[in-house]
C-alpha atoms as a PDB file:
ATOM      1  CA  MET A   1      92.770  98.448 123.134  1.00  0.00           C
ATOM      2  CA  LYS A   2      95.282  96.134 121.244  1.00  0.00           C
ATOM      3  CA  LYS A   3      93.668  92.832 122.314  1.00  0.00           C
ATOM      4  CA  MET A   4      90.357  93.982 120.726  1.00  0.00           C
ATOM      5  CA  THR A   5      92.110  95.051 117.683  1.00  0.00           C
ATOM      6  CA  LEU A   6      93.882  91.619 117.365  1.00  0.00           C
ATOM      7  CA  PHE A   7      90.499  89.699 118.256  1.00  0.00           C
ATOM      8  CA  THR A   8      88.806  91.694 115.493  1.00  0.00           C
ATOM      9  CA  LEU A   9      91.665  91.002 112.965  1.00  0.00           C
ATOM     10  CA  LEU A  10      91.408  87.070 113.787  1.00  0.00           C
ATOM     11  CA  LEU A  11      87.511  87.376 113.446  1.00  0.00           C
ATOM     12  CA  VAL A  12      87.740  88.987 110.094  1.00  0.00           C
ATOM     13  CA  LEU A  13      90.268  86.424 108.858  1.00  0.00           C
ATOM     14  CA  VAL A  14      88.079  83.468 109.991  1.00  0.00           C
ATOM     15  CA  LEU A  15      85.173  84.995 108.355  1.00  0.00           C
ATOM     16  CA  CYS A  16      86.758  85.431 105.085  1.00  0.00           C
ATOM     17  CA  ALA A  17      88.238  81.656 105.385  1.00  0.00           C
ATOM     18  CA  VAL A  18      84.799  80.635 106.090  1.00  0.00           C
ATOM     19  CA  GLY A  19      83.325  82.547 103.014  1.00  0.00           C
ATOM     20  CA  VAL A  20      86.024  81.281 100.691  1.00  0.00           C
ATOM     21  CA  GLY A  21      85.125  77.699 101.845  1.00  0.00           C
ATOM     22  CA  PHE A  22      81.639  78.048 101.030  1.00  0.00           C
ATOM     23  CA  TYR A  23      82.369  79.798  97.627  1.00  0.00           C
ATOM     24  CA  ARG A  24      84.879  77.143  96.824  1.00  0.00           C
ATOM     25  CA  GLY A  25      82.660  74.352  97.615  1.00  0.00           C
ATOM     26  CA  TRP A  26      84.720  73.085 100.816  1.00  0.00           C
ATOM     27  CA  PHE A  27      81.545  73.463 102.947  1.00  0.00           C
ATOM     28  CA  VAL A  28      77.963  72.753 102.297  1.00  0.00           C
ATOM     29  CA  LEU A  29      75.131  73.452 104.433  1.00  0.00           C
ATOM     30  CA  SER A  30      71.877  71.602 104.002  1.00  0.00           C
ATOM     31  CA  SER A  31      68.591  71.160 105.954  1.00  0.00           C
ATOM     32  CA  HIS A  32      65.551  68.879 105.771  1.00  0.00           C
ATOM     33  CA  SER A  33      62.490  67.945 107.788  1.00  0.00           C
ATOM     34  CA  ASP A  34      61.258  64.618 108.328  1.00  0.00           C
ATOM     35  CA  ALA A  35      57.659  65.306 107.967  1.00  0.00           C
ATOM     36  CA  ALA A  36      55.110  67.943 106.931  1.00  0.00           C
ATOM     37  CA  GLY A  37      53.805  69.960 109.972  1.00  0.00           C
ATOM     38  CA  VAL A  38      56.825  69.011 112.162  1.00  0.00           C
ATOM     39  CA  ASP A  39      58.531  72.071 113.772  1.00  0.00           C
ATOM     40  CA  THR A  40      62.077  70.556 113.739  1.00  0.00           C
ATOM     41  CA  HIS A  41      64.589  70.519 110.969  1.00  0.00           C
ATOM     42  CA  ASP A  42      67.866  68.817 110.530  1.00  0.00           C
ATOM     43  CA  VAL A  43      70.752  71.203 109.518  1.00  0.00           C
ATOM     44  CA  ASN A  44      73.926  69.513 108.229  1.00  0.00           C
ATOM     45  CA  LEU A  45      77.409  70.913 107.561  1.00  0.00           C
ATOM     46  CA  ARG A  46      79.355  68.748 105.053  1.00  0.00           C
ATOM     47  CA  THR A  47      82.854  69.186 104.393  1.00  0.00           C
ATOM     48  CA  ASP A  48      84.656  68.205 101.252  1.00  0.00           C
ATOM     49  CA  THR A  49      88.267  67.378 102.468  1.00  0.00           C
ATOM     50  CA  GLY A  50      89.134  66.095  98.941  1.00  0.00           C
ATOM     51  CA  LYS A  51      88.044  69.523  97.215  1.00  0.00           C
ATOM     52  CA  MET A  52      90.342  71.223  99.943  1.00  0.00           C
ATOM     53  CA  GLN A  53      93.306  68.861  99.229  1.00  0.00           C
ATOM     54  CA  GLU A  54      92.770  69.374  95.583  1.00  0.00           C
ATOM     55  CA  ASP A  55      92.733  73.222  95.800  1.00  0.00           C
ATOM     56  CA  ALA A  56      95.641  73.260  98.084  1.00  0.00           C
ATOM     57  CA  GLN A  57      97.578  71.144  95.237  1.00  0.00           C
ATOM     58  CA  THR A  58      96.612  73.499  92.709  1.00  0.00           C
ATOM     59  CA  VAL A  59      97.887  76.525  94.440  1.00  0.00           C
ATOM     60  CA  LYS A  60     101.247  74.708  95.526  1.00  0.00           C
ATOM     61  CA  ASP A  61     101.633  73.825  91.660  1.00  0.00           C
ATOM     62  CA  LYS A  62     100.657  77.444  90.338  1.00  0.00           C
ATOM     63  CA  ALA A  63     103.160  78.732  93.088  1.00  0.00           C
ATOM     64  CA  ALA A  64     106.011  76.508  92.004  1.00  0.00           C
ATOM     65  CA  GLU A  65     105.384  77.296  88.419  1.00  0.00           C
ATOM     66  CA  LEU A  66     105.543  81.056  89.107  1.00  0.00           C
ATOM     67  CA  THR A  67     108.522  81.048  91.315  1.00  0.00           C
ATOM     68  CA  GLY A  68     110.321  78.660  89.015  1.00  0.00           C
ATOM     69  CA  ASN A  69     109.966  80.915  86.305  1.00  0.00           C
ATOM     70  CA  ALA A  70     111.266  83.755  88.154  1.00  0.00           C
ATOM     71  CA  THR A  71     114.416  82.163  89.258  1.00  0.00           C
ATOM     72  CA  GLU A  72     115.072  80.669  85.728  1.00  0.00           C
ATOM     73  CA  SER A  73     115.192  83.898  83.933  1.00  0.00           C
ATOM     74  CA  PRO A  74     116.046  86.795  86.039  1.00  0.00           C
ATOM     75  CA  ALA A  75     115.194  90.073  84.392  1.00  0.00           C
ATOM     76  CA  GLU A  76     117.726  92.395  82.941  1.00  0.00           C
ATOM     77  CA  PRO A  77     118.480  95.474  84.811  1.00  0.00           C
ATOM     78  CA  ALA A  78     116.959  98.596  83.333  1.00  0.00           C
ATOM     79  CA  ASP A  79     119.558 101.230  81.773  1.00  0.00           C
ATOM     80  CA  GLU A  80     119.194 103.917  84.110  1.00  0.00           C
ATOM     81  CA  PRO A  81     121.433 106.823  84.384  1.00  0.00           C
ATOM     82  CA  THR A  82     124.073 107.034  86.933  1.00  0.00           C
ATOM     83  CA  THR A  83     124.304 109.809  89.360  1.00  0.00           C
ATOM     84  CA  ASP A  84     127.351 111.423  87.128  1.00  0.00           C
ATOM     85  CA  GLU A  85     125.054 111.237  84.134  1.00  0.00           C
ATOM     86  CA  VAL A  86     122.785 113.996  83.086  1.00  0.00           C
ATOM     87  CA  ARG A  87     119.818 113.364  80.624  1.00  0.00           C
ATOM     88  CA  PRO A  88     119.653 116.013  77.870  1.00  0.00           C
ATOM     89  CA  GLY A  89     117.564 118.930  78.895  1.00  0.00           C
ATOM     90  CA  LEU A  90     118.140 118.351  82.627  1.00  0.00           C
ATOM     91  CA  ARG A  91     120.774 119.907  84.733  1.00  0.00           C
ATOM     92  CA  PRO A  92     122.400 118.037  87.577  1.00  0.00           C
ATOM     93  CA  ALA A  93     120.564 117.751  90.964  1.00  0.00           C
ATOM     94  CA  ASN A  94     123.161 119.486  92.889  1.00  0.00           C
ATOM     95  CA  ASP A  95     125.487 121.824  90.841  1.00  0.00           C
ATOM     96  CA  GLY A  96     127.096 123.502  93.570  1.00  0.00           C
ATOM     97  CA  GLN A  97     124.082 125.781  94.573  1.00  0.00           C
ATOM     98  CA  PRO A  98     122.275 125.719  97.751  1.00  0.00           C
ATOM     99  CA  PRO A  99     118.769 124.232  97.519  1.00  0.00           C
ATOM    100  CA  GLY A 100     116.345 126.866  96.330  1.00  0.00           C
ATOM    101  CA  ALA A 101     119.076 129.211  94.817  1.00  0.00           C
ATOM    102  CA  GLU A 102     118.593 130.600  91.236  1.00  0.00           C
ATOM    103  CA  PRO A 103     120.167 128.267  88.662  1.00  0.00           C
ATOM    104  CA  ASN A 104     122.630 130.819  87.172  1.00  0.00           C
ATOM    105  CA  ALA A 105     123.180 132.850  90.549  1.00  0.00           C
ATOM    106  CA  ALA A 106     126.852 132.924  91.902  1.00  0.00           C
ATOM    107  CA  PRO A 107     127.719 130.503  94.758  1.00  0.00           C
ATOM    108  CA  PRO A 108     127.359 132.019  98.124  1.00  0.00           C
ATOM    109  CA  ASN A 109     130.490 133.652  99.552  1.00  0.00           C
ATOM    110  CA  ALA A 110     132.158 133.905  96.308  1.00  0.00           C
ATOM    111  CA  ASN A 111     134.957 136.531  96.548  1.00  0.00           C
END
């Protein structure tokens, strides 16, 4: 069963790559016939490797730009309350009461 799932995944990835290739102009499919009334047609598949390389370089440049900006100026950490701080209007998550106990109830086994 896993082999079929892996095969299906690979098939979907190949079909997506071919679809993107046709969309981006990497592949062009054309046909023509030599004479009228002839039942034969020539079908040609043309690949544009220059366009592929140009798009690959564009992706590399964009990735370098995005990652370069991320490493040059890291974001400042947000001011989040520590576990000891309590925001106004909220009580601590665990104030000595067992989970589900009433907020103002006495702790269990209090003598």
